[in-house]
Amino acid sequence: MEKRGCLGIDESNHGRFPEIYVGVFSSLSFDAKRGNYTKKRINTNIGDILNNHGRIYRHTIITKEHKELYGAHGSKVIAVAELIKAFNNIEDINVDSIILDGEFRKIDRLNLERILYPLDLPNFNAEPKADETFQIINKADAIANVLHRYYSTNKDRNRYKKTRIEIGIGKYLNFKNLF
């Protein structure tokens, strides 16, 4: 049975490296409704954050090399594109809308659409402080924080391999002139 829902995207360690981007998909309508949520900065199990209500997550890592090659905005567009494509490839998942924490310029959106083509970009909303406004973003923020703590202190990159999307450094060279 197909699940329709919202994808929430947030990052941890913004502007420093590694920068961890997390996407959380939920078919629960209340996850995408406005509210007031406080950030949780506890080192906990990711399953506890998701509450196992059919929510799933994926993450990707932006390195210093990505930023040097594609710039800060280009790296963000690439991370968001990779997360959208990853959820698009999960069987029985249909992303109706996307909420992104933070600023996203019009040119970034155009570049995102170019990268995703021929995939259509669903309803897309980017806004500052979305991690305090939408539960789904709040959960993505908490997971990104857990992953950042893990990757900053552990050299074993296999623990979260099943949910990690690898972005080869040269994968988007054809789009470099856009950024």
Protein backbone atom coordinates (compact mmCIF):
# COMPACT_ATOMS: atom_id res chain seq x y z
CA MET A 1 0.00 0.00 0.00
CA GLU A 2 1.40 3.35 -1.03
CA LYS A 3 2.16 5.86 1.70
CA ARG A 4 1.72 9.51 0.82
CA GLY A 5 3.27 12.14 3.01
CA CYS A 6 5.76 14.85 3.73
CA LEU A 7 9.55 14.94 3.59
CA GLY A 8 11.23 17.19 6.13
CA ILE A 9 14.90 18.15 5.60
CA ASP A 10 17.34 19.76 8.02
CA GLU A 11 21.08 19.89 8.55
CA SER A 12 23.47 19.82 11.46
CA ASN A 13 26.78 21.63 11.83
CA HIS A 14 25.80 24.29 9.27
CA GLY A 15 28.84 25.92 7.70
CA ARG A 16 31.30 23.50 9.31
CA PHE A 17 32.30 20.04 8.24
CA PRO A 18 31.11 17.43 8.01
CA GLU A 19 27.68 18.94 7.41
CA ILE A 20 24.97 16.30 7.88
CA TYR A 21 21.69 16.60 5.97
CA VAL A 22 18.76 14.47 7.12
CA GLY A 23 15.44 13.81 5.45
CA VAL A 24 12.55 12.32 7.42
CA PHE A 25 9.46 11.01 5.63
CA SER A 26 6.14 10.76 7.44
CA SER A 27 2.65 9.88 6.33
CA LEU A 28 1.27 11.30 9.59
CA SER A 29 -0.55 14.54 8.76
CA PHE A 30 0.22 16.17 12.12
CA ASP A 31 3.97 15.94 11.43
CA ALA A 32 3.56 18.63 8.74
CA LYS A 33 1.25 20.93 10.70
CA ARG A 34 2.53 24.11 12.29
CA GLY A 35 3.18 24.03 16.00
CA ASN A 36 5.80 25.00 18.53
CA TYR A 37 8.63 22.53 19.10
CA THR A 38 11.81 22.87 21.12
CA LYS A 39 15.08 21.47 19.87
CA LYS A 40 16.21 18.32 21.63
CA ARG A 41 19.95 17.97 22.06
CA ILE A 42 20.22 14.57 23.66
CA ASN A 43 22.33 11.69 22.50
CA THR A 44 19.64 9.08 22.03
CA ASN A 45 18.68 6.25 19.74
CA ILE A 46 17.38 7.44 16.36
CA GLY A 47 14.50 4.95 16.59
CA ASP A 48 13.34 6.74 19.75
CA ILE A 49 13.28 10.06 17.87
CA LEU A 50 11.22 8.57 15.03
CA ASN A 51 8.84 6.88 17.50
CA ASN A 52 8.46 4.04 14.97
CA HIS A 53 5.20 5.39 13.50
CA GLY A 54 6.18 4.54 9.95
CA ARG A 55 8.58 7.48 9.78
CA ILE A 56 11.80 6.75 7.94
CA TYR A 57 14.97 8.75 7.45
CA ARG A 58 17.95 9.01 5.15
CA HIS A 59 21.04 11.18 5.48
CA THR A 60 23.96 12.46 3.48
CA ILE A 61 27.24 14.10 4.33
CA ILE A 62 28.63 17.25 2.75
CA THR A 63 32.40 17.49 3.09
CA LYS A 64 34.76 20.41 2.85
CA GLU A 65 35.68 19.14 -0.62
CA HIS A 66 32.04 19.39 -1.75
CA LYS A 67 31.86 23.00 -0.57
CA GLU A 68 35.16 23.91 -2.24
CA LEU A 69 33.98 22.43 -5.56
CA TYR A 70 30.29 23.46 -5.59
CA GLY A 71 30.12 26.33 -3.08
CA ALA A 72 27.88 26.56 -0.02
CA HIS A 73 24.63 26.99 -1.96
CA GLY A 74 25.51 24.35 -4.55
CA SER A 75 26.37 21.83 -1.84
CA LYS A 76 23.04 22.45 -0.13
CA VAL A 77 21.12 22.04 -3.41
CA ILE A 78 22.98 18.79 -4.10
CA ALA A 79 22.27 17.40 -0.62
CA VAL A 80 18.56 18.27 -0.89
CA ALA A 81 18.37 16.75 -4.39
CA GLU A 82 20.01 13.52 -3.24
CA LEU A 83 17.56 13.18 -0.34
CA ILE A 84 14.55 13.81 -2.59
CA LYS A 85 15.80 11.26 -5.13
CA ALA A 86 16.45 8.70 -2.37
CA PHE A 87 12.88 8.90 -1.09
CA ASN A 88 11.52 8.88 -4.63
CA ASN A 89 13.27 5.51 -5.11
CA ILE A 90 11.70 3.85 -2.06
CA GLU A 91 8.88 1.56 -3.12
CA ASP A 92 5.42 2.47 -1.80
CA ILE A 93 6.50 6.00 -0.78
CA ASN A 94 5.01 9.07 -2.45
CA VAL A 95 6.34 12.45 -1.33
CA ASP A 96 3.51 15.00 -1.66
CA SER A 97 5.34 17.89 -0.06
CA ILE A 98 8.77 18.92 1.17
CA ILE A 99 9.60 21.24 4.04
CA LEU A 100 13.17 22.49 4.32
CA ASP A 101 14.62 24.26 7.32
CA GLY A 102 16.45 27.44 6.35
CA GLU A 103 16.74 29.86 3.48
CA PHE A 104 16.53 28.57 -0.08
CA ARG A 105 16.95 31.16 -2.81
CA LYS A 106 14.89 31.18 -6.01
CA ILE A 107 18.00 30.30 -8.01
CA ASP A 108 18.61 27.36 -5.66
CA ARG A 109 15.10 26.10 -6.35
CA LEU A 110 15.64 26.43 -10.12
CA ASN A 111 18.92 24.53 -9.83
CA LEU A 112 17.20 21.87 -7.73
CA GLU A 113 14.56 21.44 -10.42
CA ARG A 114 17.28 21.13 -13.09
CA ILE A 115 19.10 18.45 -11.10
CA LEU A 116 15.90 16.51 -10.39
CA TYR A 117 14.62 16.61 -13.99
CA PRO A 118 12.67 14.65 -15.21
CA LEU A 119 11.36 14.16 -11.67
CA ASP A 120 8.86 16.88 -10.74
CA LEU A 121 9.48 18.81 -7.54
CA PRO A 122 6.46 18.35 -5.24
CA ASN A 123 5.01 21.18 -3.16
CA PHE A 124 8.16 22.77 -1.70
CA ASN A 125 8.43 25.10 1.29
CA ALA A 126 11.66 26.44 2.79
CA GLU A 127 11.66 28.63 5.86
CA PRO A 128 13.99 29.62 8.69
CA LYS A 129 13.33 28.04 12.07
CA ALA A 130 11.17 25.30 10.54
CA ASP A 131 12.76 22.95 13.09
CA GLU A 132 10.83 24.85 15.76
CA THR A 133 7.62 25.04 13.70
CA PHE A 134 7.13 21.57 12.17
CA GLN A 135 7.45 18.31 14.06
CA ILE A 136 8.90 16.50 11.03
CA ILE A 137 11.73 19.06 10.78
CA ASN A 138 12.25 18.93 14.52
CA LYS A 139 12.81 15.18 14.21
CA ALA A 140 15.19 15.66 11.25
CA ASP A 141 17.11 18.22 13.32
CA ALA A 142 17.40 15.86 16.29
CA ILE A 143 18.59 12.99 14.06
CA ALA A 144 21.10 15.27 12.29
CA ASN A 145 22.46 16.25 15.69
CA VAL A 146 22.85 12.60 16.76
CA LEU A 147 24.58 11.76 13.48
CA HIS A 148 26.87 14.78 13.70
CA ARG A 149 27.96 13.73 17.19
CA TYR A 150 28.54 10.20 15.96
CA TYR A 151 30.54 11.12 12.84
CA SER A 152 32.58 13.70 14.79
CA THR A 153 33.77 11.15 17.32
CA ASN A 154 33.75 7.81 15.47
CA LYS A 155 35.77 6.69 12.51
CA ASP A 156 33.51 3.66 11.90
CA ARG A 157 31.30 4.88 9.06
CA ASN A 158 29.42 1.59 8.75
CA ARG A 159 26.97 2.00 11.63
CA TYR A 160 24.54 4.18 9.66
CA LYS A 161 25.47 2.91 6.20
CA LYS A 162 21.95 1.64 5.39
CA THR A 163 20.50 5.14 5.65
CA ARG A 164 23.47 7.09 4.25
CA ILE A 165 23.48 8.40 0.68
CA GLU A 166 26.99 8.74 -0.70
CA ILE A 167 27.62 11.75 -2.91
CA GLY A 168 30.69 11.21 -5.06
CA ILE A 169 32.75 14.39 -5.22
CA GLY A 170 32.56 14.59 -9.00
CA LYS A 171 28.96 13.45 -9.45
CA TYR A 172 27.60 16.93 -10.19
CA LEU A 173 30.43 18.40 -12.27
CA ASN A 174 27.98 18.87 -15.18
CA PHE A 175 26.00 21.26 -12.95
CA LYS A 176 28.99 23.13 -11.48
CA ASN A 177 28.40 26.17 -13.70
CA LEU A 178 24.92 26.56 -12.14
CA PHE A 179 26.36 27.24 -8.72
